[in-house]
């Protein structure tokens, strides 16, 4: 560890057990956080990226195309509902307006 003008430079990895409190700014090139897998907390982890926001939320995105009936079915991972409660969807029509774009309940499949 190099200490100069009241600061420290650490090269390599640092592991902290317990809480960490920072007074001042934090600067980072990127980041992820690791959480226990909600369906197998003893054996697996999920890794998520940061989205800086004043709102607590997870954001998952993707792109799909409509089939010949004008439908698209999206299957989320098994753990999705165990981790996310009261979730919302945001749909964006591409290429032309879609005033009747909607999400149907699962039981309509």
PDB file of N, CA and C in Angstrom:
ATOM      1  N   UNK A   1       0.852  -1.168   0.000  1.00  0.00           N
ATOM      2  CA  UNK A   1       0.000   0.000   0.000  1.00  0.00           C
ATOM      3  C   UNK A   1       0.898   1.231   0.000  1.00  0.00           C
ATOM      4  N   UNK A   2       0.586   2.163  -0.859  1.00  0.00           N
ATOM      5  CA  UNK A   2       1.289   3.448  -0.896  1.00  0.00           C
ATOM      6  C   UNK A   2       0.399   4.517  -0.296  1.00  0.00           C
ATOM      7  N   UNK A   3       0.899   5.256   0.654  1.00  0.00           N
ATOM      8  CA  UNK A   3       0.136   6.337   1.256  1.00  0.00           C
ATOM      9  C   UNK A   3       0.834   7.653   0.935  1.00  0.00           C
ATOM     10  N   UNK A   4       0.106   8.549   0.283  1.00  0.00           N
ATOM     11  CA  UNK A   4       0.673   9.848  -0.084  1.00  0.00           C
ATOM     12  C   UNK A   4      -0.411  10.907   0.040  1.00  0.00           C
ATOM     13  N   UNK A   5      -0.073  12.022   0.601  1.00  0.00           N
ATOM     14  CA  UNK A   5      -0.970  13.174   0.794  1.00  0.00           C
ATOM     15  C   UNK A   5      -2.357  12.769   1.295  1.00  0.00           C
ATOM     16  N   UNK A   6      -2.377  11.961   2.324  1.00  0.00           N
ATOM     17  CA  UNK A   6      -3.634  11.600   2.976  1.00  0.00           C
ATOM     18  C   UNK A   6      -4.436  10.542   2.258  1.00  0.00           C
ATOM     19  N   UNK A   7      -3.937   9.938   1.182  1.00  0.00           N
ATOM     20  CA  UNK A   7      -4.677   8.929   0.441  1.00  0.00           C
ATOM     21  C   UNK A   7      -3.925   7.620   0.418  1.00  0.00           C
ATOM     22  N   UNK A   8      -4.508   6.624  -0.179  1.00  0.00           N
ATOM     23  CA  UNK A   8      -3.869   5.316  -0.277  1.00  0.00           C
ATOM     24  C   UNK A   8      -4.112   4.757  -1.668  1.00  0.00           C
ATOM     25  N   UNK A   9      -3.130   4.049  -2.181  1.00  0.00           N
ATOM     26  CA  UNK A   9      -3.266   3.329  -3.444  1.00  0.00           C
ATOM     27  C   UNK A   9      -3.083   1.853  -3.151  1.00  0.00           C
ATOM     28  N   UNK A  10      -4.063   1.068  -3.503  1.00  0.00           N
ATOM     29  CA  UNK A  10      -4.007  -0.370  -3.283  1.00  0.00           C
ATOM     30  C   UNK A  10      -4.020  -1.043  -4.645  1.00  0.00           C
ATOM     31  N   UNK A  11      -3.051  -1.881  -4.900  1.00  0.00           N
ATOM     32  CA  UNK A  11      -3.003  -2.628  -6.148  1.00  0.00           C
ATOM     33  C   UNK A  11      -3.381  -4.064  -5.854  1.00  0.00           C
ATOM     34  N   UNK A  12      -4.349  -4.592  -6.598  1.00  0.00           N
ATOM     35  CA  UNK A  12      -4.809  -5.957  -6.367  1.00  0.00           C
ATOM     36  C   UNK A  12      -6.233  -5.951  -5.860  1.00  0.00           C
ATOM     37  N   UNK A  13      -6.642  -7.027  -5.245  1.00  0.00           N
ATOM     38  CA  UNK A  13      -8.015  -7.182  -4.763  1.00  0.00           C
ATOM     39  C   UNK A  13      -8.114  -6.846  -3.283  1.00  0.00           C
ATOM     40  N   UNK A  14      -9.281  -6.376  -2.896  1.00  0.00           N
ATOM     41  CA  UNK A  14      -9.568  -6.081  -1.496  1.00  0.00           C
ATOM     42  C   UNK A  14     -10.895  -6.742  -1.156  1.00  0.00           C
ATOM     43  N   UNK A  15     -10.947  -7.432  -0.058  1.00  0.00           N
ATOM     44  CA  UNK A  15     -12.176  -8.060   0.407  1.00  0.00           C
ATOM     45  C   UNK A  15     -12.532  -7.467   1.762  1.00  0.00           C
ATOM     46  N   UNK A  16     -13.767  -7.054   1.910  1.00  0.00           N
ATOM     47  CA  UNK A  16     -14.234  -6.460   3.163  1.00  0.00           C
ATOM     48  C   UNK A  16     -15.392  -7.296   3.677  1.00  0.00           C
ATOM     49  N   UNK A  17     -15.311  -7.755   4.898  1.00  0.00           N
ATOM     50  CA  UNK A  17     -16.394  -8.474   5.541  1.00  0.00           C
ATOM     51  C   UNK A  17     -17.095  -7.493   6.457  1.00  0.00           C
ATOM     52  N   UNK A  18     -18.389  -7.286   6.258  1.00  0.00           N
ATOM     53  CA  UNK A  18     -19.120  -6.340   7.090  1.00  0.00           C
ATOM     54  C   UNK A  18     -19.536  -5.127   6.280  1.00  0.00           C
ATOM     55  N   UNK A  19     -19.876  -4.071   6.957  1.00  0.00           N
ATOM     56  CA  UNK A  19     -20.370  -2.854   6.312  1.00  0.00           C
ATOM     57  C   UNK A  19     -19.228  -1.946   5.900  1.00  0.00           C
ATOM     58  N   UNK A  20     -19.455  -1.157   4.877  1.00  0.00           N
ATOM     59  CA  UNK A  20     -18.491  -0.178   4.405  1.00  0.00           C
ATOM     60  C   UNK A  20     -19.198   1.156   4.284  1.00  0.00           C
ATOM     61  N   UNK A  21     -18.645   2.159   4.888  1.00  0.00           N
ATOM     62  CA  UNK A  21     -19.194   3.507   4.802  1.00  0.00           C
ATOM     63  C   UNK A  21     -18.130   4.413   4.211  1.00  0.00           C
ATOM     64  N   UNK A  22     -18.507   5.224   3.226  1.00  0.00           N
ATOM     65  CA  UNK A  22     -17.578   6.129   2.564  1.00  0.00           C
ATOM     66  C   UNK A  22     -18.080   7.550   2.749  1.00  0.00           C
ATOM     67  N   UNK A  23     -17.231   8.415   3.260  1.00  0.00           N
ATOM     68  CA  UNK A  23     -17.530   9.844   3.334  1.00  0.00           C
ATOM     69  C   UNK A  23     -16.760  10.506   2.204  1.00  0.00           C
ATOM     70  N   UNK A  24     -17.463  11.058   1.255  1.00  0.00           N
ATOM     71  CA  UNK A  24     -16.803  11.644   0.090  1.00  0.00           C
ATOM     72  C   UNK A  24     -17.265  10.960  -1.174  1.00  0.00           C
ATOM     73  N   UNK A  25     -16.559  11.182  -2.255  1.00  0.00           N
ATOM     74  CA  UNK A  25     -16.952  10.665  -3.564  1.00  0.00           C
ATOM     75  C   UNK A  25     -16.378   9.280  -3.817  1.00  0.00           C
ATOM     76  N   UNK A  26     -17.069   8.523  -4.640  1.00  0.00           N
ATOM     77  CA  UNK A  26     -16.587   7.230  -5.116  1.00  0.00           C
ATOM     78  C   UNK A  26     -16.537   7.315  -6.635  1.00  0.00           C
ATOM     79  N   UNK A  27     -15.419   6.952  -7.189  1.00  0.00           N
ATOM     80  CA  UNK A  27     -15.257   6.944  -8.637  1.00  0.00           C
ATOM     81  C   UNK A  27     -14.923   5.528  -9.058  1.00  0.00           C
ATOM     82  N   UNK A  28     -15.551   5.059 -10.155  1.00  0.00           N
ATOM     83  CA  UNK A  28     -15.326   3.684 -10.591  1.00  0.00           C
ATOM     84  C   UNK A  28     -15.389   3.614 -12.105  1.00  0.00           C
ATOM     85  N   UNK A  29     -14.694   2.658 -12.678  1.00  0.00           N
ATOM     86  CA  UNK A  29     -14.748   2.437 -14.122  1.00  0.00           C
ATOM     87  C   UNK A  29     -15.978   1.628 -14.518  1.00  0.00           C
ATOM     88  N   UNK A  30     -16.472   0.826 -13.644  1.00  0.00           N
ATOM     89  CA  UNK A  30     -17.626  -0.029 -13.889  1.00  0.00           C
ATOM     90  C   UNK A  30     -17.912  -0.794 -12.625  1.00  0.00           C
ATOM     91  N   UNK A  31     -18.928  -1.622 -12.666  1.00  0.00           N
ATOM     92  CA  UNK A  31     -19.196  -2.386 -11.455  1.00  0.00           C
ATOM     93  C   UNK A  31     -20.329  -3.360 -11.616  1.00  0.00           C
ATOM     94  N   UNK A  32     -20.319  -4.352 -10.754  1.00  0.00           N
ATOM     95  CA  UNK A  32     -21.396  -5.322 -10.662  1.00  0.00           C
ATOM     96  C   UNK A  32     -21.626  -5.609  -9.186  1.00  0.00           C
ATOM     97  N   UNK A  33     -22.728  -6.231  -8.901  1.00  0.00           N
ATOM     98  CA  UNK A  33     -22.910  -6.742  -7.553  1.00  0.00           C
ATOM     99  C   UNK A  33     -23.386  -8.180  -7.649  1.00  0.00           C
ATOM    100  N   UNK A  34     -23.025  -8.956  -6.656  1.00  0.00           N
ATOM    101  CA  UNK A  34     -23.308 -10.384  -6.614  1.00  0.00           C
ATOM    102  C   UNK A  34     -24.324 -10.620  -5.514  1.00  0.00           C
ATOM    103  N   UNK A  35     -25.414 -11.327  -5.850  1.00  0.00           N
ATOM    104  CA  UNK A  35     -26.434 -11.668  -4.860  1.00  0.00           C
ATOM    105  C   UNK A  35     -26.669 -13.178  -4.900  1.00  0.00           C
ATOM    106  N   UNK A  36     -27.192 -13.710  -3.821  1.00  0.00           N
ATOM    107  CA  UNK A  36     -27.564 -15.119  -3.800  1.00  0.00           C
ATOM    108  C   UNK A  36     -28.663 -15.371  -4.830  1.00  0.00           C
ATOM    109  N   UNK A  37     -28.577 -16.478  -5.544  1.00  0.00           N
ATOM    110  CA  UNK A  37     -29.617 -16.885  -6.483  1.00  0.00           C
ATOM    111  C   UNK A  37     -30.876 -17.174  -5.666  1.00  0.00           C
ATOM    112  N   UNK A  38     -32.019 -16.544  -5.975  1.00  0.00           N
ATOM    113  CA  UNK A  38     -33.202 -16.719  -5.122  1.00  0.00           C
ATOM    114  C   UNK A  38     -33.749 -18.150  -5.084  1.00  0.00           C
ATOM    115  N   UNK A  39     -33.460 -18.962  -6.098  1.00  0.00           N
ATOM    116  CA  UNK A  39     -33.952 -20.337  -6.099  1.00  0.00           C
ATOM    117  C   UNK A  39     -32.922 -21.346  -5.609  1.00  0.00           C
ATOM    118  N   UNK A  40     -31.659 -20.921  -5.476  1.00  0.00           N
ATOM    119  CA  UNK A  40     -30.587 -21.802  -4.980  1.00  0.00           C
ATOM    120  C   UNK A  40     -29.548 -20.947  -4.251  1.00  0.00           C
ATOM    121  N   UNK A  41     -29.935 -20.308  -3.128  1.00  0.00           N
ATOM    122  CA  UNK A  41     -29.031 -19.371  -2.457  1.00  0.00           C
ATOM    123  C   UNK A  41     -27.756 -20.008  -1.905  1.00  0.00           C
ATOM    124  N   UNK A  42     -27.787 -21.286  -1.637  1.00  0.00           N
ATOM    125  CA  UNK A  42     -26.589 -21.942  -1.092  1.00  0.00           C
ATOM    126  C   UNK A  42     -25.606 -22.348  -2.184  1.00  0.00           C
ATOM    127  N   UNK A  43     -26.071 -22.431  -3.441  1.00  0.00           N
ATOM    128  CA  UNK A  43     -25.210 -22.976  -4.479  1.00  0.00           C
ATOM    129  C   UNK A  43     -24.930 -22.088  -5.675  1.00  0.00           C
ATOM    130  N   UNK A  44     -25.692 -20.994  -5.848  1.00  0.00           N
ATOM    131  CA  UNK A  44     -25.522 -20.168  -7.042  1.00  0.00           C
ATOM    132  C   UNK A  44     -25.612 -18.681  -6.701  1.00  0.00           C
ATOM    133  N   UNK A  45     -25.088 -17.864  -7.607  1.00  0.00           N
ATOM    134  CA  UNK A  45     -25.167 -16.411  -7.490  1.00  0.00           C
ATOM    135  C   UNK A  45     -25.729 -15.824  -8.773  1.00  0.00           C
ATOM    136  N   UNK A  46     -26.299 -14.632  -8.670  1.00  0.00           N
ATOM    137  CA  UNK A  46     -26.656 -13.814  -9.826  1.00  0.00           C
ATOM    138  C   UNK A  46     -25.765 -12.586  -9.791  1.00  0.00           C
ATOM    139  N   UNK A  47     -25.314 -12.154 -10.940  1.00  0.00           N
ATOM    140  CA  UNK A  47     -24.493 -10.951 -11.057  1.00  0.00           C
ATOM    141  C   UNK A  47     -25.289  -9.902 -11.820  1.00  0.00           C
ATOM    142  N   UNK A  48     -25.388  -8.703 -11.268  1.00  0.00           N
ATOM    143  CA  UNK A  48     -26.122  -7.611 -11.890  1.00  0.00           C
ATOM    144  C   UNK A  48     -25.191  -6.412 -12.066  1.00  0.00           C
ATOM    145  N   UNK A  49     -25.502  -5.596 -13.058  1.00  0.00           N
ATOM    146  CA  UNK A  49     -24.779  -4.344 -13.266  1.00  0.00           C
ATOM    147  C   UNK A  49     -25.484  -3.219 -12.532  1.00  0.00           C
ATOM    148  N   UNK A  50     -24.832  -2.092 -12.414  1.00  0.00           N
ATOM    149  CA  UNK A  50     -25.421  -0.919 -11.777  1.00  0.00           C
ATOM    150  C   UNK A  50     -26.205  -0.101 -12.793  1.00  0.00           C
ATOM    151  N   UNK A  51     -27.319   0.440 -12.374  1.00  0.00           N
ATOM    152  CA  UNK A  51     -27.999   1.520 -13.074  1.00  0.00           C
ATOM    153  C   UNK A  51     -28.206   2.584 -12.011  1.00  0.00           C
ATOM    154  N   UNK A  52     -27.500   3.690 -12.140  1.00  0.00           N
ATOM    155  CA  UNK A  52     -27.580   4.735 -11.118  1.00  0.00           C
ATOM    156  C   UNK A  52     -28.943   5.425 -11.208  1.00  0.00           C
ATOM    157  N   UNK A  53     -29.669   5.439 -10.099  1.00  0.00           N
ATOM    158  CA  UNK A  53     -31.016   5.999 -10.081  1.00  0.00           C
ATOM    159  C   UNK A  53     -31.434   6.257  -8.637  1.00  0.00           C
ATOM    160  N   UNK A  54     -32.291   7.240  -8.419  1.00  0.00           N
ATOM    161  CA  UNK A  54     -32.829   7.419  -7.069  1.00  0.00           C
ATOM    162  C   UNK A  54     -33.893   6.365  -6.732  1.00  0.00           C
ATOM    163  N   UNK A  55     -34.370   5.630  -7.732  1.00  0.00           N
ATOM    164  CA  UNK A  55     -35.387   4.600  -7.526  1.00  0.00           C
ATOM    165  C   UNK A  55     -34.722   3.241  -7.384  1.00  0.00           C
ATOM    166  N   UNK A  56     -35.220   2.437  -6.453  1.00  0.00           N
ATOM    167  CA  UNK A  56     -34.731   1.070  -6.288  1.00  0.00           C
ATOM    168  C   UNK A  56     -35.444   0.197  -7.310  1.00  0.00           C
ATOM    169  N   UNK A  57     -34.689  -0.343  -8.281  1.00  0.00           N
ATOM    170  CA  UNK A  57     -35.309  -1.204  -9.282  1.00  0.00           C
ATOM    171  C   UNK A  57     -34.248  -2.009 -10.011  1.00  0.00           C
ATOM    172  N   UNK A  58     -34.687  -3.101 -10.587  1.00  0.00           N
ATOM    173  CA  UNK A  58     -33.876  -3.880 -11.519  1.00  0.00           C
ATOM    174  C   UNK A  58     -34.439  -3.613 -12.905  1.00  0.00           C
ATOM    175  N   UNK A  59     -33.583  -3.513 -13.893  1.00  0.00           N
ATOM    176  CA  UNK A  59     -34.024  -3.282 -15.269  1.00  0.00           C
ATOM    177  C   UNK A  59     -33.484  -4.413 -16.130  1.00  0.00           C
ATOM    178  N   UNK A  60     -34.376  -5.088 -16.826  1.00  0.00           N
ATOM    179  CA  UNK A  60     -34.010  -6.136 -17.769  1.00  0.00           C
ATOM    180  C   UNK A  60     -34.572  -5.701 -19.115  1.00  0.00           C
ATOM    181  N   UNK A  61     -33.784  -5.816 -20.160  1.00  0.00           N
ATOM    182  CA  UNK A  61     -34.314  -5.407 -21.451  1.00  0.00           C
ATOM    183  C   UNK A  61     -33.997  -6.440 -22.508  1.00  0.00           C
ATOM    184  N   UNK A  62     -34.692  -6.330 -23.605  1.00  0.00           N
ATOM    185  CA  UNK A  62     -34.496  -7.242 -24.717  1.00  0.00           C
ATOM    186  C   UNK A  62     -35.304  -6.762 -25.904  1.00  0.00           C
ATOM    187  N   UNK A  63     -35.144  -7.448 -27.011  1.00  0.00           N
ATOM    188  CA  UNK A  63     -35.843  -7.102 -28.241  1.00  0.00           C
ATOM    189  C   UNK A  63     -36.493  -8.366 -28.779  1.00  0.00           C
ATOM    190  N   UNK A  64     -37.702  -8.242 -29.267  1.00  0.00           N
ATOM    191  CA  UNK A  64     -38.388  -9.366 -29.888  1.00  0.00           C
ATOM    192  C   UNK A  64     -39.127  -8.870 -31.111  1.00  0.00           C
ATOM    193  N   UNK A  65     -39.566  -9.781 -31.939  1.00  0.00           N
ATOM    194  CA  UNK A  65     -40.358  -9.454 -33.124  1.00  0.00           C
ATOM    195  C   UNK A  65     -41.697 -10.174 -33.029  1.00  0.00           C
ATOM    196  N   UNK A  66     -42.707  -9.583 -33.626  1.00  0.00           N
ATOM    197  CA  UNK A  66     -44.027 -10.196 -33.629  1.00  0.00           C
ATOM    198  C   UNK A  66     -44.087 -11.310 -34.664  1.00  0.00           C
ATOM    199  N   UNK A  67     -44.864 -12.356 -34.351  1.00  0.00           N
ATOM    200  CA  UNK A  67     -45.055 -13.440 -35.312  1.00  0.00           C
ATOM    201  C   UNK A  67     -46.159 -13.072 -36.303  1.00  0.00           C
ATOM    202  N   UNK A  68     -46.603 -14.021 -37.112  1.00  0.00           N
ATOM    203  CA  UNK A  68     -47.611 -13.743 -38.142  1.00  0.00           C
ATOM    204  C   UNK A  68     -48.968 -13.352 -37.554  1.00  0.00           C
ATOM    205  N   UNK A  69     -49.217 -13.686 -36.293  1.00  0.00           N
ATOM    206  CA  UNK A  69     -50.456 -13.291 -35.618  1.00  0.00           C
ATOM    207  C   UNK A  69     -50.310 -11.937 -34.931  1.00  0.00           C
ATOM    208  N   UNK A  70     -49.128 -11.342 -35.011  1.00  0.00           N
ATOM    209  CA  UNK A  70     -48.894 -10.069 -34.327  1.00  0.00           C
ATOM    210  C   UNK A  70     -48.611 -10.258 -32.845  1.00  0.00           C
ATOM    211  N   UNK A  71     -48.099 -11.435 -32.463  1.00  0.00           N
ATOM    212  CA  UNK A  71     -47.826 -11.737 -31.062  1.00  0.00           C
ATOM    213  C   UNK A  71     -46.348 -12.032 -30.859  1.00  0.00           C
ATOM    214  N   UNK A  72     -45.911 -11.801 -29.653  1.00  0.00           N
ATOM    215  CA  UNK A  72     -44.566 -12.194 -29.227  1.00  0.00           C
ATOM    216  C   UNK A  72     -44.687 -12.697 -27.797  1.00  0.00           C
ATOM    217  N   UNK A  73     -44.039 -13.821 -27.500  1.00  0.00           N
ATOM    218  CA  UNK A  73     -44.063 -14.388 -26.150  1.00  0.00           C
ATOM    219  C   UNK A  73     -42.679 -14.246 -25.556  1.00  0.00           C
ATOM    220  N   UNK A  74     -42.604 -13.688 -24.379  1.00  0.00           N
ATOM    221  CA  UNK A  74     -41.339 -13.491 -23.675  1.00  0.00           C
ATOM    222  C   UNK A  74     -41.331 -14.419 -22.466  1.00  0.00           C
ATOM    223  N   UNK A  75     -40.283 -15.203 -22.322  1.00  0.00           N
ATOM    224  CA  UNK A  75     -40.131 -16.086 -21.165  1.00  0.00           C
ATOM    225  C   UNK A  75     -38.993 -15.553 -20.313  1.00  0.00           C
ATOM    226  N   UNK A  76     -39.308 -15.199 -19.089  1.00  0.00           N
ATOM    227  CA  UNK A  76     -38.299 -14.707 -18.161  1.00  0.00           C
ATOM    228  C   UNK A  76     -37.672 -15.902 -17.438  1.00  0.00           C
ATOM    229  N   UNK A  77     -36.462 -15.728 -16.899  1.00  0.00           N
ATOM    230  CA  UNK A  77     -35.832 -16.825 -16.147  1.00  0.00           C
ATOM    231  C   UNK A  77     -36.695 -17.238 -14.947  1.00  0.00           C
ATOM    232  N   UNK A  78     -36.519 -18.476 -14.501  1.00  0.00           N
ATOM    233  CA  UNK A  78     -37.318 -18.996 -13.383  1.00  0.00           C
ATOM    234  C   UNK A  78     -37.221 -18.121 -12.141  1.00  0.00           C
ATOM    235  N   UNK A  79     -36.064 -17.518 -11.915  1.00  0.00           N
ATOM    236  CA  UNK A  79     -35.844 -16.741 -10.705  1.00  0.00           C
ATOM    237  C   UNK A  79     -36.476 -15.352 -10.755  1.00  0.00           C
ATOM    238  N   UNK A  80     -36.979 -14.914 -11.903  1.00  0.00           N
ATOM    239  CA  UNK A  80     -37.432 -13.533 -12.077  1.00  0.00           C
ATOM    240  C   UNK A  80     -38.473 -13.110 -11.041  1.00  0.00           C
ATOM    241  N   UNK A  81     -39.542 -13.879 -10.905  1.00  0.00           N
ATOM    242  CA  UNK A  81     -40.602 -13.480  -9.968  1.00  0.00           C
ATOM    243  C   UNK A  81     -40.188 -13.649  -8.513  1.00  0.00           C
ATOM    244  N   UNK A  82     -39.228 -14.541  -8.231  1.00  0.00           N
ATOM    245  CA  UNK A  82     -38.746 -14.691  -6.859  1.00  0.00           C
ATOM    246  C   UNK A  82     -37.938 -13.467  -6.434  1.00  0.00           C
ATOM    247  N   UNK A  83     -37.299 -12.805  -7.393  1.00  0.00           N
ATOM    248  CA  UNK A  83     -36.452 -11.651  -7.096  1.00  0.00           C
ATOM    249  C   UNK A  83     -37.187 -10.323  -7.257  1.00  0.00           C
ATOM    250  N   UNK A  84     -38.159 -10.264  -8.146  1.00  0.00           N
ATOM    251  CA  UNK A  84     -38.838  -9.011  -8.489  1.00  0.00           C
ATOM    252  C   UNK A  84     -40.316  -9.094  -8.168  1.00  0.00           C
ATOM    253  N   UNK A  85     -40.772  -8.204  -7.283  1.00  0.00           N
ATOM    254  CA  UNK A  85     -42.188  -8.142  -6.942  1.00  0.00           C
ATOM    255  C   UNK A  85     -42.770  -6.856  -7.521  1.00  0.00           C
ATOM    256  N   UNK A  86     -44.057  -6.876  -7.818  1.00  0.00           N
ATOM    257  CA  UNK A  86     -44.740  -5.700  -8.359  1.00  0.00           C
ATOM    258  C   UNK A  86     -43.987  -5.134  -9.563  1.00  0.00           C
ATOM    259  N   UNK A  87     -43.611  -6.009 -10.499  1.00  0.00           N
ATOM    260  CA  UNK A  87     -42.850  -5.567 -11.652  1.00  0.00           C
ATOM    261  C   UNK A  87     -43.759  -4.920 -12.694  1.00  0.00           C
ATOM    262  N   UNK A  88     -43.136  -4.118 -13.555  1.00  0.00           N
ATOM    263  CA  UNK A  88     -43.835  -3.402 -14.616  1.00  0.00           C
ATOM    264  C   UNK A  88     -43.152  -3.708 -15.936  1.00  0.00           C
ATOM    265  N   UNK A  89     -43.855  -3.433 -17.011  1.00  0.00           N
ATOM    266  CA  UNK A  89     -43.325  -3.597 -18.355  1.00  0.00           C
ATOM    267  C   UNK A  89     -43.358  -2.252 -19.058  1.00  0.00           C
ATOM    268  N   UNK A  90     -42.419  -2.041 -19.933  1.00  0.00           N
ATOM    269  CA  UNK A  90     -42.466  -0.887 -20.816  1.00  0.00           C
ATOM    270  C   UNK A  90     -42.303  -1.409 -22.235  1.00  0.00           C
ATOM    271  N   UNK A  91     -43.285  -1.150 -23.077  1.00  0.00           N
ATOM    272  CA  UNK A  91     -43.255  -1.601 -24.460  1.00  0.00           C
ATOM    273  C   UNK A  91     -43.027  -0.405 -25.367  1.00  0.00           C
ATOM    274  N   UNK A  92     -42.200  -0.576 -26.365  1.00  0.00           N
ATOM    275  CA  UNK A  92     -41.936   0.475 -27.332  1.00  0.00           C
ATOM    276  C   UNK A  92     -42.121  -0.106 -28.723  1.00  0.00           C
ATOM    277  N   UNK A  93     -43.088   0.401 -29.442  1.00  0.00           N
ATOM    278  CA  UNK A  93     -43.301  -0.043 -30.818  1.00  0.00           C
ATOM    279  C   UNK A  93     -42.242   0.611 -31.703  1.00  0.00           C
ATOM    280  N   UNK A  94     -41.690  -0.163 -32.615  1.00  0.00           N
ATOM    281  CA  UNK A  94     -40.655   0.349 -33.518  1.00  0.00           C
ATOM    282  C   UNK A  94     -41.196   0.344 -34.948  1.00  0.00           C
ATOM    283  N   UNK A  95     -40.934   1.390 -35.695  1.00  0.00           N
ATOM    284  CA  UNK A  95     -41.276   1.414 -37.113  1.00  0.00           C
ATOM    285  C   UNK A  95     -42.632   2.003 -37.437  1.00  0.00           C
ATOM    286  N   UNK A  96     -43.592   1.876 -36.547  1.00  0.00           N
ATOM    287  CA  UNK A  96     -44.913   2.462 -36.781  1.00  0.00           C
ATOM    288  C   UNK A  96     -45.678   2.509 -35.462  1.00  0.00           C
ATOM    289  N   UNK A  97     -46.686   3.353 -35.357  1.00  0.00           N
ATOM    290  CA  UNK A  97     -47.480   3.434 -34.124  1.00  0.00           C
ATOM    291  C   UNK A  97     -48.201   2.107 -33.859  1.00  0.00           C
ATOM    292  N   UNK A  98     -48.407   1.801 -32.608  1.00  0.00           N
ATOM    293  CA  UNK A  98     -49.097   0.569 -32.231  1.00  0.00           C
ATOM    294  C   UNK A  98     -50.058   0.864 -31.078  1.00  0.00           C
ATOM    295  N   UNK A  99     -51.191   1.499 -31.387  1.00  0.00           N
ATOM    296  CA  UNK A  99     -52.108   1.890 -30.305  1.00  0.00           C
ATOM    297  C   UNK A  99     -52.712   0.709 -29.551  1.00  0.00           C
ATOM    298  N   UNK A 100     -52.733  -0.488 -30.132  1.00  0.00           N
ATOM    299  CA  UNK A 100     -53.313  -1.645 -29.457  1.00  0.00           C
ATOM    300  C   UNK A 100     -52.254  -2.566 -28.863  1.00  0.00           C
ATOM    301  N   UNK A 101     -51.047  -2.088 -28.700  1.00  0.00           N
ATOM    302  CA  UNK A 101     -49.971  -2.875 -28.108  1.00  0.00           C
ATOM    303  C   UNK A 101     -50.274  -3.068 -26.626  1.00  0.00           C
ATOM    304  N   UNK A 102     -50.263  -4.305 -26.153  1.00  0.00           N
ATOM    305  CA  UNK A 102     -50.571  -4.563 -24.743  1.00  0.00           C
ATOM    306  C   UNK A 102     -49.938  -5.868 -24.307  1.00  0.00           C
ATOM    307  N   UNK A 103     -49.958  -6.089 -23.009  1.00  0.00           N
ATOM    308  CA  UNK A 103     -49.472  -7.333 -22.412  1.00  0.00           C
ATOM    309  C   UNK A 103     -50.676  -8.121 -21.943  1.00  0.00           C
ATOM    310  N   UNK A 104     -50.755  -9.381 -22.378  1.00  0.00           N
ATOM    311  CA  UNK A 104     -51.840 -10.258 -21.974  1.00  0.00           C
ATOM    312  C   UNK A 104     -51.410 -11.084 -20.767  1.00  0.00           C
ATOM    313  N   UNK A 105     -52.361 -11.442 -19.907  1.00  0.00           N
ATOM    314  CA  UNK A 105     -52.032 -12.314 -18.768  1.00  0.00           C
ATOM    315  C   UNK A 105     -51.522 -13.664 -19.248  1.00  0.00           C
ATOM    316  N   UNK A 106     -50.731 -14.317 -18.409  1.00  0.00           N
ATOM    317  CA  UNK A 106     -50.155 -15.623 -18.754  1.00  0.00           C
ATOM    318  C   UNK A 106     -51.198 -16.664 -19.131  1.00  0.00           C
ATOM    319  N   UNK A 107     -52.363 -16.629 -18.499  1.00  0.00           N
ATOM    320  CA  UNK A 107     -53.348 -17.680 -18.741  1.00  0.00           C
ATOM    321  C   UNK A 107     -53.997 -17.596 -20.110  1.00  0.00           C
ATOM    322  N   UNK A 108     -53.679 -16.605 -20.926  1.00  0.00           N
ATOM    323  CA  UNK A 108     -54.214 -16.530 -22.279  1.00  0.00           C
ATOM    324  C   UNK A 108     -53.410 -17.358 -23.271  1.00  0.00           C
ATOM    325  N   UNK A 109     -52.283 -17.887 -22.844  1.00  0.00           N
ATOM    326  CA  UNK A 109     -51.448 -18.694 -23.732  1.00  0.00           C
ATOM    327  C   UNK A 109     -52.164 -19.907 -24.241  1.00  0.00           C
TER     328      UNK A 109
END
